[in-house]
């Protein structure tokens, strides 16, 4: 799915993500199946999350975010800042986050 968020929607999601702590760290193994599964599991209980890419990872934060976006249905990359990626996926049945239009 392309990152089809408007600048207003992206700004809204960035504000919501600011206080969040990373739920997963990508290390020297890169984006493994287990890492992708952990992100998938996290999206079952939340719509917005942060993923941290360690210095030892074989890829940078943008590459890791793109891999997760491509491997998981409906995931959008809100932003990458430093070594942290903010990912968003609305709940298919009952989305909690209302995006501005």
C-alpha atoms as a PDB file:
ATOM      1  CA  UNK A   1       0.000   0.000   0.000  1.00  0.00           C
ATOM      2  CA  UNK A   2       1.414   3.402  -0.856  1.00  0.00           C
ATOM      3  CA  UNK A   3       1.944   5.954   1.862  1.00  0.00           C
ATOM      4  CA  UNK A   4      -1.125   7.940   0.848  1.00  0.00           C
ATOM      5  CA  UNK A   5      -1.442  10.062   3.971  1.00  0.00           C
ATOM      6  CA  UNK A   6      -2.026  13.778   3.507  1.00  0.00           C
ATOM      7  CA  UNK A   7       0.266  16.223   5.284  1.00  0.00           C
ATOM      8  CA  UNK A   8      -2.562  17.059   7.708  1.00  0.00           C
ATOM      9  CA  UNK A   9      -3.101  13.350   8.514  1.00  0.00           C
ATOM     10  CA  UNK A  10       0.633  12.757   8.862  1.00  0.00           C
ATOM     11  CA  UNK A  11       0.931  15.735  11.227  1.00  0.00           C
ATOM     12  CA  UNK A  12      -1.981  14.430  13.324  1.00  0.00           C
ATOM     13  CA  UNK A  13      -0.398  10.972  13.597  1.00  0.00           C
ATOM     14  CA  UNK A  14       3.001  12.458  14.503  1.00  0.00           C
ATOM     15  CA  UNK A  15       1.389  14.350  17.392  1.00  0.00           C
ATOM     16  CA  UNK A  16      -0.273  11.161  18.640  1.00  0.00           C
ATOM     17  CA  UNK A  17       2.960   9.166  18.303  1.00  0.00           C
ATOM     18  CA  UNK A  18       5.169  11.658  20.122  1.00  0.00           C
ATOM     19  CA  UNK A  19       4.660  10.258  23.657  1.00  0.00           C
ATOM     20  CA  UNK A  20       4.839   6.598  22.558  1.00  0.00           C
ATOM     21  CA  UNK A  21       7.793   4.373  23.378  1.00  0.00           C
ATOM     22  CA  UNK A  22       9.196   1.961  20.750  1.00  0.00           C
ATOM     23  CA  UNK A  23       7.570  -1.461  21.034  1.00  0.00           C
ATOM     24  CA  UNK A  24      10.253  -3.306  19.080  1.00  0.00           C
ATOM     25  CA  UNK A  25      13.935  -2.970  18.324  1.00  0.00           C
ATOM     26  CA  UNK A  26      15.476  -4.108  15.052  1.00  0.00           C
ATOM     27  CA  UNK A  27      18.998  -5.374  15.701  1.00  0.00           C
ATOM     28  CA  UNK A  28      21.866  -7.020  13.872  1.00  0.00           C
ATOM     29  CA  UNK A  29      19.584  -9.624  12.290  1.00  0.00           C
ATOM     30  CA  UNK A  30      17.602  -6.937  10.474  1.00  0.00           C
ATOM     31  CA  UNK A  31      13.873  -7.297   9.831  1.00  0.00           C
ATOM     32  CA  UNK A  32      13.373 -10.983  10.590  1.00  0.00           C
ATOM     33  CA  UNK A  33      10.148 -12.971  10.363  1.00  0.00           C
ATOM     34  CA  UNK A  34       9.953 -12.799  14.151  1.00  0.00           C
ATOM     35  CA  UNK A  35      10.288  -9.003  14.075  1.00  0.00           C
ATOM     36  CA  UNK A  36       7.566  -8.703  11.429  1.00  0.00           C
ATOM     37  CA  UNK A  37       5.362 -11.051  13.475  1.00  0.00           C
ATOM     38  CA  UNK A  38       5.906  -8.905  16.575  1.00  0.00           C
ATOM     39  CA  UNK A  39       4.827  -5.784  14.704  1.00  0.00           C
ATOM     40  CA  UNK A  40       1.798  -7.648  13.327  1.00  0.00           C
ATOM     41  CA  UNK A  41       0.884  -8.716  16.873  1.00  0.00           C
ATOM     42  CA  UNK A  42       1.284  -5.158  18.153  1.00  0.00           C
ATOM     43  CA  UNK A  43      -1.111  -3.902  15.474  1.00  0.00           C
ATOM     44  CA  UNK A  44      -3.792  -6.199  16.918  1.00  0.00           C
ATOM     45  CA  UNK A  45      -4.047  -3.957  19.989  1.00  0.00           C
ATOM     46  CA  UNK A  46      -3.030  -0.538  18.668  1.00  0.00           C
ATOM     47  CA  UNK A  47      -3.048   1.434  15.455  1.00  0.00           C
ATOM     48  CA  UNK A  48       0.073   3.530  15.892  1.00  0.00           C
ATOM     49  CA  UNK A  49       3.479   2.334  17.022  1.00  0.00           C
ATOM     50  CA  UNK A  50       7.169   3.076  17.013  1.00  0.00           C
ATOM     51  CA  UNK A  51       9.972   0.740  15.964  1.00  0.00           C
ATOM     52  CA  UNK A  52      13.604   1.484  16.844  1.00  0.00           C
ATOM     53  CA  UNK A  53      16.467   0.424  14.567  1.00  0.00           C
ATOM     54  CA  UNK A  54      19.668  -0.257  16.490  1.00  0.00           C
ATOM     55  CA  UNK A  55      23.103   0.936  15.340  1.00  0.00           C
ATOM     56  CA  UNK A  56      24.067  -2.710  14.812  1.00  0.00           C
ATOM     57  CA  UNK A  57      21.275  -3.289  12.273  1.00  0.00           C
ATOM     58  CA  UNK A  58      22.402  -3.987   8.703  1.00  0.00           C
ATOM     59  CA  UNK A  59      19.937  -1.433   7.318  1.00  0.00           C
ATOM     60  CA  UNK A  60      18.868   2.087   8.090  1.00  0.00           C
ATOM     61  CA  UNK A  61      15.551   3.161   9.576  1.00  0.00           C
ATOM     62  CA  UNK A  62      13.962   4.022   6.203  1.00  0.00           C
ATOM     63  CA  UNK A  63      14.837   0.625   4.762  1.00  0.00           C
ATOM     64  CA  UNK A  64      13.490  -1.181   7.835  1.00  0.00           C
ATOM     65  CA  UNK A  65      10.248   0.832   7.735  1.00  0.00           C
ATOM     66  CA  UNK A  66       9.812   0.122   4.021  1.00  0.00           C
ATOM     67  CA  UNK A  67      10.348  -3.613   4.561  1.00  0.00           C
ATOM     68  CA  UNK A  68       7.754  -3.703   7.355  1.00  0.00           C
ATOM     69  CA  UNK A  69       5.322  -1.652   5.234  1.00  0.00           C
ATOM     70  CA  UNK A  70       5.735  -4.055   2.327  1.00  0.00           C
ATOM     71  CA  UNK A  71       5.475  -7.235   4.425  1.00  0.00           C
ATOM     72  CA  UNK A  72       2.429  -6.264   6.490  1.00  0.00           C
ATOM     73  CA  UNK A  73      -0.935  -5.455   4.934  1.00  0.00           C
ATOM     74  CA  UNK A  74      -2.206  -1.921   5.297  1.00  0.00           C
ATOM     75  CA  UNK A  75       0.808  -0.478   7.126  1.00  0.00           C
ATOM     76  CA  UNK A  76       1.780   3.115   6.395  1.00  0.00           C
ATOM     77  CA  UNK A  77       5.014   4.808   7.367  1.00  0.00           C
ATOM     78  CA  UNK A  78       4.122   8.050   9.138  1.00  0.00           C
ATOM     79  CA  UNK A  79       7.704   9.211   9.637  1.00  0.00           C
ATOM     80  CA  UNK A  80      11.252   8.172  10.314  1.00  0.00           C
ATOM     81  CA  UNK A  81      13.203  10.300  12.742  1.00  0.00           C
ATOM     82  CA  UNK A  82      16.665   9.442  13.947  1.00  0.00           C
ATOM     83  CA  UNK A  83      16.643   5.667  14.258  1.00  0.00           C
ATOM     84  CA  UNK A  84      12.919   5.410  14.962  1.00  0.00           C
ATOM     85  CA  UNK A  85      10.064   4.709  12.552  1.00  0.00           C
ATOM     86  CA  UNK A  86       6.423   5.533  13.263  1.00  0.00           C
ATOM     87  CA  UNK A  87       4.013   3.063  11.667  1.00  0.00           C
ATOM     88  CA  UNK A  88       0.244   3.310  11.334  1.00  0.00           C
ATOM     89  CA  UNK A  89      -2.430   0.795  10.432  1.00  0.00           C
ATOM     90  CA  UNK A  90      -6.109   1.481  11.141  1.00  0.00           C
ATOM     91  CA  UNK A  91      -8.124  -1.244  12.821  1.00  0.00           C
ATOM     92  CA  UNK A  92     -10.196  -2.886  10.057  1.00  0.00           C
ATOM     93  CA  UNK A  93     -13.376  -3.132  12.156  1.00  0.00           C
ATOM     94  CA  UNK A  94     -13.245  -0.356  14.727  1.00  0.00           C
ATOM     95  CA  UNK A  95     -10.604   2.291  14.023  1.00  0.00           C
ATOM     96  CA  UNK A  96      -9.851   4.361  17.119  1.00  0.00           C
ATOM     97  CA  UNK A  97      -7.806   7.061  15.414  1.00  0.00           C
ATOM     98  CA  UNK A  98      -9.887   9.476  13.358  1.00  0.00           C
ATOM     99  CA  UNK A  99      -7.782  11.036  10.644  1.00  0.00           C
ATOM    100  CA  UNK A 100      -8.540  14.607   9.596  1.00  0.00           C
ATOM    101  CA  UNK A 101      -9.674  15.048   6.018  1.00  0.00           C
END
